[in-house]
Amino acid sequence: MNEMQRKFVSDKLGTLGNIAVGALIFGQFLSKESFLFSFINIGHPS
């Protein structure tokens, strides 16, 4: 990959990470379970 392609992929992976975190947070609000702060901290319910 050249420099331009690496920058593009890096930018898109960052965006994908932001979308994943947003989905985890908003998914908690849409679920029937209560909101768990540990879910945000470690990525899965304790």
PDB file of N, CA and C in Angstrom:
ATOM      1  N   MET A   1       0.843  -1.182   0.000  1.00  0.00           N
ATOM      2  CA  MET A   1       0.000   0.000   0.000  1.00  0.00           C
ATOM      3  C   MET A   1       0.887   1.244   0.000  1.00  0.00           C
ATOM      4  N   ASN A   2       0.432   2.234  -0.698  1.00  0.00           N
ATOM      5  CA  ASN A   2       1.193   3.477  -0.667  1.00  0.00           C
ATOM      6  C   ASN A   2       0.711   4.342   0.506  1.00  0.00           C
ATOM      7  N   GLU A   3       1.369   5.467   0.698  1.00  0.00           N
ATOM      8  CA  GLU A   3       1.080   6.344   1.844  1.00  0.00           C
ATOM      9  C   GLU A   3      -0.370   6.827   1.841  1.00  0.00           C
ATOM     10  N   MET A   4      -0.871   7.183   0.679  1.00  0.00           N
ATOM     11  CA  MET A   4      -2.251   7.688   0.582  1.00  0.00           C
ATOM     12  C   MET A   4      -3.264   6.607   0.969  1.00  0.00           C
ATOM     13  N   GLN A   5      -3.036   5.383   0.537  1.00  0.00           N
ATOM     14  CA  GLN A   5      -3.931   4.278   0.873  1.00  0.00           C
ATOM     15  C   GLN A   5      -3.886   3.973   2.363  1.00  0.00           C
ATOM     16  N   ARG A   6      -2.700   4.029   2.969  1.00  0.00           N
ATOM     17  CA  ARG A   6      -2.586   3.780   4.410  1.00  0.00           C
ATOM     18  C   ARG A   6      -3.344   4.833   5.207  1.00  0.00           C
ATOM     19  N   LYS A   7      -3.253   6.085   4.800  1.00  0.00           N
ATOM     20  CA  LYS A   7      -3.990   7.161   5.483  1.00  0.00           C
ATOM     21  C   LYS A   7      -5.495   6.954   5.350  1.00  0.00           C
ATOM     22  N   PHE A   8      -5.933   6.540   4.160  1.00  0.00           N
ATOM     23  CA  PHE A   8      -7.354   6.299   3.923  1.00  0.00           C
ATOM     24  C   PHE A   8      -7.870   5.169   4.813  1.00  0.00           C
ATOM     25  N   VAL A   9      -7.140   4.052   4.837  1.00  0.00           N
ATOM     26  CA  VAL A   9      -7.548   2.902   5.648  1.00  0.00           C
ATOM     27  C   VAL A   9      -7.540   3.269   7.131  1.00  0.00           C
ATOM     28  N   SER A  10      -6.525   4.003   7.562  1.00  0.00           N
ATOM     29  CA  SER A  10      -6.442   4.424   8.957  1.00  0.00           C
ATOM     30  C   SER A  10      -7.648   5.291   9.336  1.00  0.00           C
ATOM     31  N   ASP A  11      -8.002   6.214   8.476  1.00  0.00           N
ATOM     32  CA  ASP A  11      -9.147   7.083   8.732  1.00  0.00           C
ATOM     33  C   ASP A  11     -10.439   6.273   8.811  1.00  0.00           C
ATOM     34  N   LYS A  12     -10.611   5.337   7.909  1.00  0.00           N
ATOM     35  CA  LYS A  12     -11.841   4.537   7.887  1.00  0.00           C
ATOM     36  C   LYS A  12     -11.924   3.593   9.082  1.00  0.00           C
ATOM     37  N   LEU A  13     -10.798   3.062   9.538  1.00  0.00           N
ATOM     38  CA  LEU A  13     -10.819   2.210  10.734  1.00  0.00           C
ATOM     39  C   LEU A  13     -11.186   3.016  11.971  1.00  0.00           C
ATOM     40  N   GLY A  14     -10.714   4.258  12.046  1.00  0.00           N
ATOM     41  CA  GLY A  14     -11.103   5.130  13.150  1.00  0.00           C
ATOM     42  C   GLY A  14     -12.596   5.413  13.138  1.00  0.00           C
ATOM     43  N   THR A  15     -13.127   5.666  11.956  1.00  0.00           N
ATOM     44  CA  THR A  15     -14.560   5.907  11.813  1.00  0.00           C
ATOM     45  C   THR A  15     -15.361   4.658  12.200  1.00  0.00           C
ATOM     46  N   LEU A  16     -14.897   3.513  11.773  1.00  0.00           N
ATOM     47  CA  LEU A  16     -15.567   2.258  12.109  1.00  0.00           C
ATOM     48  C   LEU A  16     -15.575   2.029  13.618  1.00  0.00           C
ATOM     49  N   GLY A  17     -14.483   2.347  14.283  1.00  0.00           N
ATOM     50  CA  GLY A  17     -14.420   2.232  15.740  1.00  0.00           C
ATOM     51  C   GLY A  17     -15.423   3.147  16.419  1.00  0.00           C
ATOM     52  N   ASN A  18     -15.547   4.371  15.931  1.00  0.00           N
ATOM     53  CA  ASN A  18     -16.516   5.310  16.500  1.00  0.00           C
ATOM     54  C   ASN A  18     -17.947   4.806  16.320  1.00  0.00           C
ATOM     55  N   ILE A  19     -18.239   4.246  15.173  1.00  0.00           N
ATOM     56  CA  ILE A  19     -19.573   3.705  14.915  1.00  0.00           C
ATOM     57  C   ILE A  19     -19.859   2.529  15.846  1.00  0.00           C
ATOM     58  N   ALA A  20     -18.863   1.673  16.047  1.00  0.00           N
ATOM     59  CA  ALA A  20     -19.043   0.518  16.930  1.00  0.00           C
ATOM     60  C   ALA A  20     -19.317   0.954  18.363  1.00  0.00           C
ATOM     61  N   VAL A  21     -18.575   1.930  18.856  1.00  0.00           N
ATOM     62  CA  VAL A  21     -18.801   2.427  20.219  1.00  0.00           C
ATOM     63  C   VAL A  21     -20.178   3.062  20.328  1.00  0.00           C
ATOM     64  N   GLY A  22     -20.560   3.828  19.339  1.00  0.00           N
ATOM     65  CA  GLY A  22     -21.894   4.436  19.338  1.00  0.00           C
ATOM     66  C   GLY A  22     -22.987   3.390  19.340  1.00  0.00           C
ATOM     67  N   ALA A  23     -22.806   2.333  18.577  1.00  0.00           N
ATOM     68  CA  ALA A  23     -23.801   1.257  18.542  1.00  0.00           C
ATOM     69  C   ALA A  23     -23.906   0.565  19.904  1.00  0.00           C
ATOM     70  N   LEU A  24     -22.776   0.368  20.568  1.00  0.00           N
ATOM     71  CA  LEU A  24     -22.815  -0.256  21.896  1.00  0.00           C
ATOM     72  C   LEU A  24     -23.570   0.619  22.897  1.00  0.00           C
ATOM     73  N   ILE A  25     -23.314   1.912  22.858  1.00  0.00           N
ATOM     74  CA  ILE A  25     -23.962   2.818  23.811  1.00  0.00           C
ATOM     75  C   ILE A  25     -25.451   2.936  23.521  1.00  0.00           C
ATOM     76  N   PHE A  26     -25.818   3.215  22.273  1.00  0.00           N
ATOM     77  CA  PHE A  26     -27.234   3.370  21.940  1.00  0.00           C
ATOM     78  C   PHE A  26     -27.986   2.052  22.034  1.00  0.00           C
ATOM     79  N   GLY A  27     -27.320   0.945  21.803  1.00  0.00           N
ATOM     80  CA  GLY A  27     -27.949  -0.366  21.956  1.00  0.00           C
ATOM     81  C   GLY A  27     -28.383  -0.623  23.383  1.00  0.00           C
ATOM     82  N   GLN A  28     -27.625  -0.115  24.339  1.00  0.00           N
ATOM     83  CA  GLN A  28     -28.010  -0.265  25.741  1.00  0.00           C
ATOM     84  C   GLN A  28     -29.316   0.473  26.022  1.00  0.00           C
ATOM     85  N   PHE A  29     -29.497   1.640  25.427  1.00  0.00           N
ATOM     86  CA  PHE A  29     -30.719   2.409  25.646  1.00  0.00           C
ATOM     87  C   PHE A  29     -31.926   1.746  24.975  1.00  0.00           C
ATOM     88  N   LEU A  30     -31.699   1.028  23.895  1.00  0.00           N
ATOM     89  CA  LEU A  30     -32.790   0.376  23.188  1.00  0.00           C
ATOM     90  C   LEU A  30     -33.151  -0.987  23.765  1.00  0.00           C
ATOM     91  N   SER A  31     -32.253  -1.562  24.549  1.00  0.00           N
ATOM     92  CA  SER A  31     -32.522  -2.889  25.101  1.00  0.00           C
ATOM     93  C   SER A  31     -33.476  -2.798  26.285  1.00  0.00           C
ATOM     94  N   LYS A  32     -34.011  -3.932  26.681  1.00  0.00           N
ATOM     95  CA  LYS A  32     -34.955  -3.960  27.795  1.00  0.00           C
ATOM     96  C   LYS A  32     -34.250  -3.995  29.146  1.00  0.00           C
ATOM     97  N   GLU A  33     -32.939  -4.254  29.121  1.00  0.00           N
ATOM     98  CA  GLU A  33     -32.176  -4.289  30.370  1.00  0.00           C
ATOM     99  C   GLU A  33     -31.817  -2.873  30.807  1.00  0.00           C
ATOM    100  N   SER A  34     -31.490  -2.727  32.086  1.00  0.00           N
ATOM    101  CA  SER A  34     -31.079  -1.420  32.569  1.00  0.00           C
ATOM    102  C   SER A  34     -29.696  -1.076  32.028  1.00  0.00           C
ATOM    103  N   PHE A  35     -29.385   0.204  32.046  1.00  0.00           N
ATOM    104  CA  PHE A  35     -28.113   0.673  31.523  1.00  0.00           C
ATOM    105  C   PHE A  35     -26.982   0.255  32.459  1.00  0.00           C
ATOM    106  N   LEU A  36     -25.945  -0.350  31.907  1.00  0.00           N
ATOM    107  CA  LEU A  36     -24.815  -0.807  32.699  1.00  0.00           C
ATOM    108  C   LEU A  36     -23.563  -0.027  32.295  1.00  0.00           C
ATOM    109  N   PHE A  37     -23.004   0.727  33.250  1.00  0.00           N
ATOM    110  CA  PHE A  37     -21.793   1.475  32.944  1.00  0.00           C
ATOM    111  C   PHE A  37     -20.617   0.544  32.687  1.00  0.00           C
ATOM    112  N   SER A  38     -20.647  -0.639  33.281  1.00  0.00           N
ATOM    113  CA  SER A  38     -19.559  -1.596  33.033  1.00  0.00           C
ATOM    114  C   SER A  38     -19.562  -2.040  31.576  1.00  0.00           C
ATOM    115  N   PHE A  39     -20.707  -1.995  30.926  1.00  0.00           N
ATOM    116  CA  PHE A  39     -20.793  -2.354  29.520  1.00  0.00           C
ATOM    117  C   PHE A  39     -19.946  -1.414  28.666  1.00  0.00           C
ATOM    118  N   ILE A  40     -19.979  -0.142  29.014  1.00  0.00           N
ATOM    119  CA  ILE A  40     -19.179   0.846  28.281  1.00  0.00           C
ATOM    120  C   ILE A  40     -17.702   0.649  28.585  1.00  0.00           C
ATOM    121  N   ASN A  41     -17.376   0.393  29.839  1.00  0.00           N
ATOM    122  CA  ASN A  41     -15.970   0.300  30.245  1.00  0.00           C
ATOM    123  C   ASN A  41     -15.246  -0.892  29.634  1.00  0.00           C
ATOM    124  N   ILE A  42     -15.886  -2.048  29.565  1.00  0.00           N
ATOM    125  CA  ILE A  42     -15.179  -3.249  29.114  1.00  0.00           C
ATOM    126  C   ILE A  42     -15.765  -3.845  27.849  1.00  0.00           C
ATOM    127  N   GLY A  43     -16.891  -3.349  27.359  1.00  0.00           N
ATOM    128  CA  GLY A  43     -17.427  -3.812  26.097  1.00  0.00           C
ATOM    129  C   GLY A  43     -18.437  -4.933  26.184  1.00  0.00           C
ATOM    130  N   HIS A  44     -18.649  -5.476  27.365  1.00  0.00           N
ATOM    131  CA  HIS A  44     -19.683  -6.501  27.532  1.00  0.00           C
ATOM    132  C   HIS A  44     -20.192  -6.452  28.971  1.00  0.00           C
ATOM    133  N   PRO A  45     -21.436  -6.899  29.185  1.00  0.00           N
ATOM    134  CA  PRO A  45     -22.005  -6.823  30.532  1.00  0.00           C
ATOM    135  C   PRO A  45     -21.273  -7.735  31.504  1.00  0.00           C
ATOM    136  N   SER A  46     -21.210  -7.304  32.730  1.00  0.00           N
ATOM    137  CA  SER A  46     -20.536  -8.106  33.766  1.00  0.00           C
ATOM    138  C   SER A  46     -21.490  -9.111  34.376  1.00  0.00           C
TER     139      SER A  46
END
